[in-house]
Amino acid sequence: MKAKLLYIVLFFGLMFSGCGHSEEPIPDVRVDFYIYLGQAQFASLQNPGGWCYVTGGYNGIFVYNFDCSTYYAYDRACPASPKHTALIYNEQTHCLFHSDTVKNCDSQYNVLLQGAVQSGSSKYPLKRYYVRKDGEKLHIVNESYYLD
């Protein structure tokens, strides 16, 4: 009888051990818009290393020009604590971070390494969006909504 009870407890323990844990800590919101590189507010994106912030996503979006054919777009929400203020970019370290790590997220995320955690306590990388260049425009979409 004790063995049977132990198996039942183990079964339900294993079954529910993953409940409440999200693989994606930043809520999924629809992202589907275009950036026209010829517009003045996006002039920085015409050169490698150029970047800008745009509205959208869960907490704003950071867009980065890697080499004029590869662009990265990340949500500015910190995966360790998405409700805090938006992350900011440091050009020297190529990281998105919070300047006030006491009140906000203590992690830094490297935009050149697919948003990987560079330092801090976060267990998740940045939320990344698809970017497709078509002539002089960039199409930025959420992965879950992407249709080719």
C-alpha atoms as a PDB file:
ATOM      1  CA  MET A   1       0.000   0.000   0.000  1.00  0.00           C
ATOM      2  CA  LYS A   2       2.816   2.441   0.878  1.00  0.00           C
ATOM      3  CA  ALA A   3       4.607   1.658  -2.378  1.00  0.00           C
ATOM      4  CA  LYS A   4       1.426   2.316  -4.388  1.00  0.00           C
ATOM      5  CA  LEU A   5       0.921   5.655  -2.608  1.00  0.00           C
ATOM      6  CA  LEU A   6       4.558   6.568  -3.268  1.00  0.00           C
ATOM      7  CA  TYR A   7       4.134   5.844  -7.004  1.00  0.00           C
ATOM      8  CA  ILE A   8       1.000   7.981  -7.147  1.00  0.00           C
ATOM      9  CA  VAL A   9       2.730  10.890  -5.400  1.00  0.00           C
ATOM     10  CA  LEU A  10       5.774  10.578  -7.696  1.00  0.00           C
ATOM     11  CA  PHE A  11       3.563  10.382 -10.795  1.00  0.00           C
ATOM     12  CA  PHE A  12       1.664  13.560  -9.963  1.00  0.00           C
ATOM     13  CA  GLY A  13       4.820  15.285  -8.760  1.00  0.00           C
ATOM     14  CA  LEU A  14       6.522  14.672 -12.104  1.00  0.00           C
ATOM     15  CA  MET A  15       3.392  15.575 -14.028  1.00  0.00           C
ATOM     16  CA  PHE A  16       3.044  18.976 -12.400  1.00  0.00           C
ATOM     17  CA  SER A  17       6.703  19.832 -11.887  1.00  0.00           C
ATOM     18  CA  GLY A  18       6.782  21.890 -15.082  1.00  0.00           C
ATOM     19  CA  CYS A  19       3.572  23.795 -14.405  1.00  0.00           C
ATOM     20  CA  GLY A  20       3.913  27.531 -13.978  1.00  0.00           C
ATOM     21  CA  HIS A  21       7.291  27.695 -15.740  1.00  0.00           C
ATOM     22  CA  SER A  22       7.257  29.556 -19.013  1.00  0.00           C
ATOM     23  CA  GLU A  23       9.797  28.961 -21.732  1.00  0.00           C
ATOM     24  CA  GLU A  24       9.196  32.532 -22.887  1.00  0.00           C
ATOM     25  CA  PRO A  25       9.078  34.976 -19.952  1.00  0.00           C
ATOM     26  CA  ILE A  26       8.097  37.959 -22.111  1.00  0.00           C
ATOM     27  CA  PRO A  27       4.421  37.880 -23.126  1.00  0.00           C
ATOM     28  CA  ASP A  28       3.824  37.231 -26.799  1.00  0.00           C
ATOM     29  CA  VAL A  29       2.410  40.274 -28.592  1.00  0.00           C
ATOM     30  CA  ARG A  30       1.805  40.769 -32.288  1.00  0.00           C
ATOM     31  CA  VAL A  31       4.683  42.476 -34.088  1.00  0.00           C
ATOM     32  CA  ASP A  32       4.352  43.112 -37.822  1.00  0.00           C
ATOM     33  CA  PHE A  33       5.583  46.399 -39.270  1.00  0.00           C
ATOM     34  CA  TYR A  34       7.951  47.974 -41.798  1.00  0.00           C
ATOM     35  CA  ILE A  35      10.846  50.377 -41.367  1.00  0.00           C
ATOM     36  CA  TYR A  36      11.713  52.459 -44.427  1.00  0.00           C
ATOM     37  CA  LEU A  37      15.457  53.063 -44.366  1.00  0.00           C
ATOM     38  CA  GLY A  38      15.142  56.247 -46.435  1.00  0.00           C
ATOM     39  CA  GLN A  39      13.230  58.027 -43.660  1.00  0.00           C
ATOM     40  CA  ALA A  40      15.310  60.439 -41.572  1.00  0.00           C
ATOM     41  CA  GLN A  41      14.532  58.811 -38.206  1.00  0.00           C
ATOM     42  CA  PHE A  42      16.058  55.542 -39.501  1.00  0.00           C
ATOM     43  CA  ALA A  43      19.170  56.986 -41.176  1.00  0.00           C
ATOM     44  CA  SER A  44      21.398  55.303 -38.563  1.00  0.00           C
ATOM     45  CA  LEU A  45      20.258  51.902 -39.806  1.00  0.00           C
ATOM     46  CA  GLN A  46      21.877  52.486 -43.201  1.00  0.00           C
ATOM     47  CA  ASN A  47      25.376  51.756 -41.835  1.00  0.00           C
ATOM     48  CA  PRO A  48      26.825  48.676 -40.094  1.00  0.00           C
ATOM     49  CA  GLY A  49      26.675  49.175 -36.342  1.00  0.00           C
ATOM     50  CA  GLY A  50      23.760  51.591 -36.680  1.00  0.00           C
ATOM     51  CA  TRP A  51      20.793  51.144 -34.380  1.00  0.00           C
ATOM     52  CA  CYS A  52      17.532  52.689 -33.226  1.00  0.00           C
ATOM     53  CA  TYR A  53      14.616  52.191 -30.880  1.00  0.00           C
ATOM     54  CA  VAL A  54      11.092  51.801 -32.255  1.00  0.00           C
ATOM     55  CA  THR A  55       7.730  51.401 -30.581  1.00  0.00           C
ATOM     56  CA  GLY A  56       6.135  47.984 -30.556  1.00  0.00           C
ATOM     57  CA  GLY A  57       6.653  44.615 -28.975  1.00  0.00           C
ATOM     58  CA  TYR A  58       6.107  44.228 -25.260  1.00  0.00           C
ATOM     59  CA  ASN A  59       8.386  47.085 -24.097  1.00  0.00           C
ATOM     60  CA  GLY A  60       9.728  48.701 -27.258  1.00  0.00           C
ATOM     61  CA  ILE A  61      12.056  47.247 -29.885  1.00  0.00           C
ATOM     62  CA  PHE A  62      15.780  47.690 -30.487  1.00  0.00           C
ATOM     63  CA  VAL A  63      16.882  47.349 -34.146  1.00  0.00           C
ATOM     64  CA  TYR A  64      20.556  46.842 -35.089  1.00  0.00           C
ATOM     65  CA  ASN A  65      22.320  46.802 -38.482  1.00  0.00           C
ATOM     66  CA  PHE A  66      24.994  44.107 -38.378  1.00  0.00           C
ATOM     67  CA  ASP A  67      26.355  44.267 -41.933  1.00  0.00           C
ATOM     68  CA  CYS A  68      23.756  45.990 -44.160  1.00  0.00           C
ATOM     69  CA  SER A  69      22.193  42.653 -45.067  1.00  0.00           C
ATOM     70  CA  THR A  70      21.714  41.246 -41.556  1.00  0.00           C
ATOM     71  CA  TYR A  71      19.591  43.130 -39.060  1.00  0.00           C
ATOM     72  CA  TYR A  72      18.633  42.161 -35.519  1.00  0.00           C
ATOM     73  CA  ALA A  73      15.518  43.209 -33.621  1.00  0.00           C
ATOM     74  CA  TYR A  74      14.993  42.525 -29.922  1.00  0.00           C
ATOM     75  CA  ASP A  75      12.301  43.407 -27.445  1.00  0.00           C
ATOM     76  CA  ARG A  76      13.628  45.919 -24.910  1.00  0.00           C
ATOM     77  CA  ALA A  77      11.923  44.077 -22.048  1.00  0.00           C
ATOM     78  CA  CYS A  78      14.301  42.337 -19.663  1.00  0.00           C
ATOM     79  CA  PRO A  79      13.488  38.588 -19.717  1.00  0.00           C
ATOM     80  CA  ALA A  80      14.379  38.379 -16.006  1.00  0.00           C
ATOM     81  CA  SER A  81      11.810  41.067 -15.119  1.00  0.00           C
ATOM     82  CA  PRO A  82       9.753  42.178 -18.163  1.00  0.00           C
ATOM     83  CA  LYS A  83       7.653  44.790 -16.339  1.00  0.00           C
ATOM     84  CA  HIS A  84      10.601  47.074 -15.559  1.00  0.00           C
ATOM     85  CA  THR A  85      11.569  50.008 -17.746  1.00  0.00           C
ATOM     86  CA  ALA A  86      12.955  49.322 -21.213  1.00  0.00           C
ATOM     87  CA  LEU A  87      16.562  48.210 -21.626  1.00  0.00           C
ATOM     88  CA  ILE A  88      19.053  50.680 -23.126  1.00  0.00           C
ATOM     89  CA  TYR A  89      21.929  50.045 -25.528  1.00  0.00           C
ATOM     90  CA  ASN A  90      25.653  50.436 -24.760  1.00  0.00           C
ATOM     91  CA  GLU A  91      27.641  50.793 -28.003  1.00  0.00           C
ATOM     92  CA  GLN A  92      30.972  49.867 -26.370  1.00  0.00           C
ATOM     93  CA  THR A  93      29.809  46.505 -25.011  1.00  0.00           C
ATOM     94  CA  HIS A  94      27.083  45.814 -27.615  1.00  0.00           C
ATOM     95  CA  CYS A  95      24.760  45.041 -24.708  1.00  0.00           C
ATOM     96  CA  LEU A  96      21.240  45.998 -23.739  1.00  0.00           C
ATOM     97  CA  PHE A  97      20.989  46.651 -19.994  1.00  0.00           C
ATOM     98  CA  HIS A  98      19.471  48.783 -17.218  1.00  0.00           C
ATOM     99  CA  SER A  99      21.626  51.531 -15.781  1.00  0.00           C
ATOM    100  CA  ASP A 100      19.889  51.142 -12.390  1.00  0.00           C
ATOM    101  CA  THR A 101      20.346  47.454 -11.607  1.00  0.00           C
ATOM    102  CA  VAL A 102      19.134  47.899  -8.022  1.00  0.00           C
ATOM    103  CA  LYS A 103      15.592  48.839  -9.089  1.00  0.00           C
ATOM    104  CA  ASN A 104      15.578  46.960 -12.389  1.00  0.00           C
ATOM    105  CA  CYS A 105      16.996  43.927 -14.149  1.00  0.00           C
ATOM    106  CA  ASP A 106      20.637  43.184 -13.233  1.00  0.00           C
ATOM    107  CA  SER A 107      21.449  41.364 -16.488  1.00  0.00           C
ATOM    108  CA  GLN A 108      23.196  42.489 -19.656  1.00  0.00           C
ATOM    109  CA  TYR A 109      22.370  40.973 -23.040  1.00  0.00           C
ATOM    110  CA  ASN A 110      24.763  40.886 -26.004  1.00  0.00           C
ATOM    111  CA  VAL A 111      22.952  41.884 -29.202  1.00  0.00           C
ATOM    112  CA  LEU A 112      25.684  40.383 -31.418  1.00  0.00           C
ATOM    113  CA  LEU A 113      25.281  36.953 -29.777  1.00  0.00           C
ATOM    114  CA  GLN A 114      21.556  36.522 -30.463  1.00  0.00           C
ATOM    115  CA  GLY A 115      20.628  38.389 -27.287  1.00  0.00           C
ATOM    116  CA  ALA A 116      22.494  35.967 -25.026  1.00  0.00           C
ATOM    117  CA  VAL A 117      22.966  36.803 -21.354  1.00  0.00           C
ATOM    118  CA  GLN A 118      26.400  38.416 -20.986  1.00  0.00           C
ATOM    119  CA  SER A 119      26.171  38.900 -17.228  1.00  0.00           C
ATOM    120  CA  GLY A 120      23.619  38.899 -14.441  1.00  0.00           C
ATOM    121  CA  SER A 121      21.038  36.501 -13.078  1.00  0.00           C
ATOM    122  CA  SER A 122      18.720  36.084 -16.082  1.00  0.00           C
ATOM    123  CA  LYS A 123      18.163  32.556 -17.343  1.00  0.00           C
ATOM    124  CA  TYR A 124      16.733  33.662 -20.693  1.00  0.00           C
ATOM    125  CA  PRO A 125      18.077  35.539 -23.741  1.00  0.00           C
ATOM    126  CA  LEU A 126      16.355  38.582 -25.201  1.00  0.00           C
ATOM    127  CA  LYS A 127      13.130  38.053 -27.124  1.00  0.00           C
ATOM    128  CA  ARG A 128      14.129  38.246 -30.782  1.00  0.00           C
ATOM    129  CA  TYR A 129      12.011  39.249 -33.762  1.00  0.00           C
ATOM    130  CA  TYR A 130      12.494  38.294 -37.412  1.00  0.00           C
ATOM    131  CA  VAL A 131      13.886  41.024 -39.660  1.00  0.00           C
ATOM    132  CA  ARG A 132      13.767  40.677 -43.422  1.00  0.00           C
ATOM    133  CA  LYS A 133      15.300  43.293 -45.706  1.00  0.00           C
ATOM    134  CA  ASP A 134      13.496  43.964 -48.964  1.00  0.00           C
ATOM    135  CA  GLY A 135      15.207  46.735 -50.885  1.00  0.00           C
ATOM    136  CA  GLU A 136      15.057  49.857 -48.733  1.00  0.00           C
ATOM    137  CA  LYS A 137      12.622  48.523 -46.178  1.00  0.00           C
ATOM    138  CA  LEU A 138      12.859  46.161 -43.220  1.00  0.00           C
ATOM    139  CA  HIS A 139       9.965  43.909 -42.310  1.00  0.00           C
ATOM    140  CA  ILE A 140       9.941  43.124 -38.578  1.00  0.00           C
ATOM    141  CA  VAL A 141       7.625  40.404 -37.321  1.00  0.00           C
ATOM    142  CA  ASN A 142       7.105  38.213 -34.287  1.00  0.00           C
ATOM    143  CA  GLU A 143       8.354  34.678 -34.909  1.00  0.00           C
ATOM    144  CA  SER A 144       5.048  33.106 -33.954  1.00  0.00           C
ATOM    145  CA  TYR A 145       3.210  35.230 -36.524  1.00  0.00           C
ATOM    146  CA  TYR A 146       5.771  34.929 -39.316  1.00  0.00           C
ATOM    147  CA  LEU A 147       4.444  33.803 -42.663  1.00  0.00           C
ATOM    148  CA  ASP A 148       6.867  33.541 -45.539  1.00  0.00           C
END
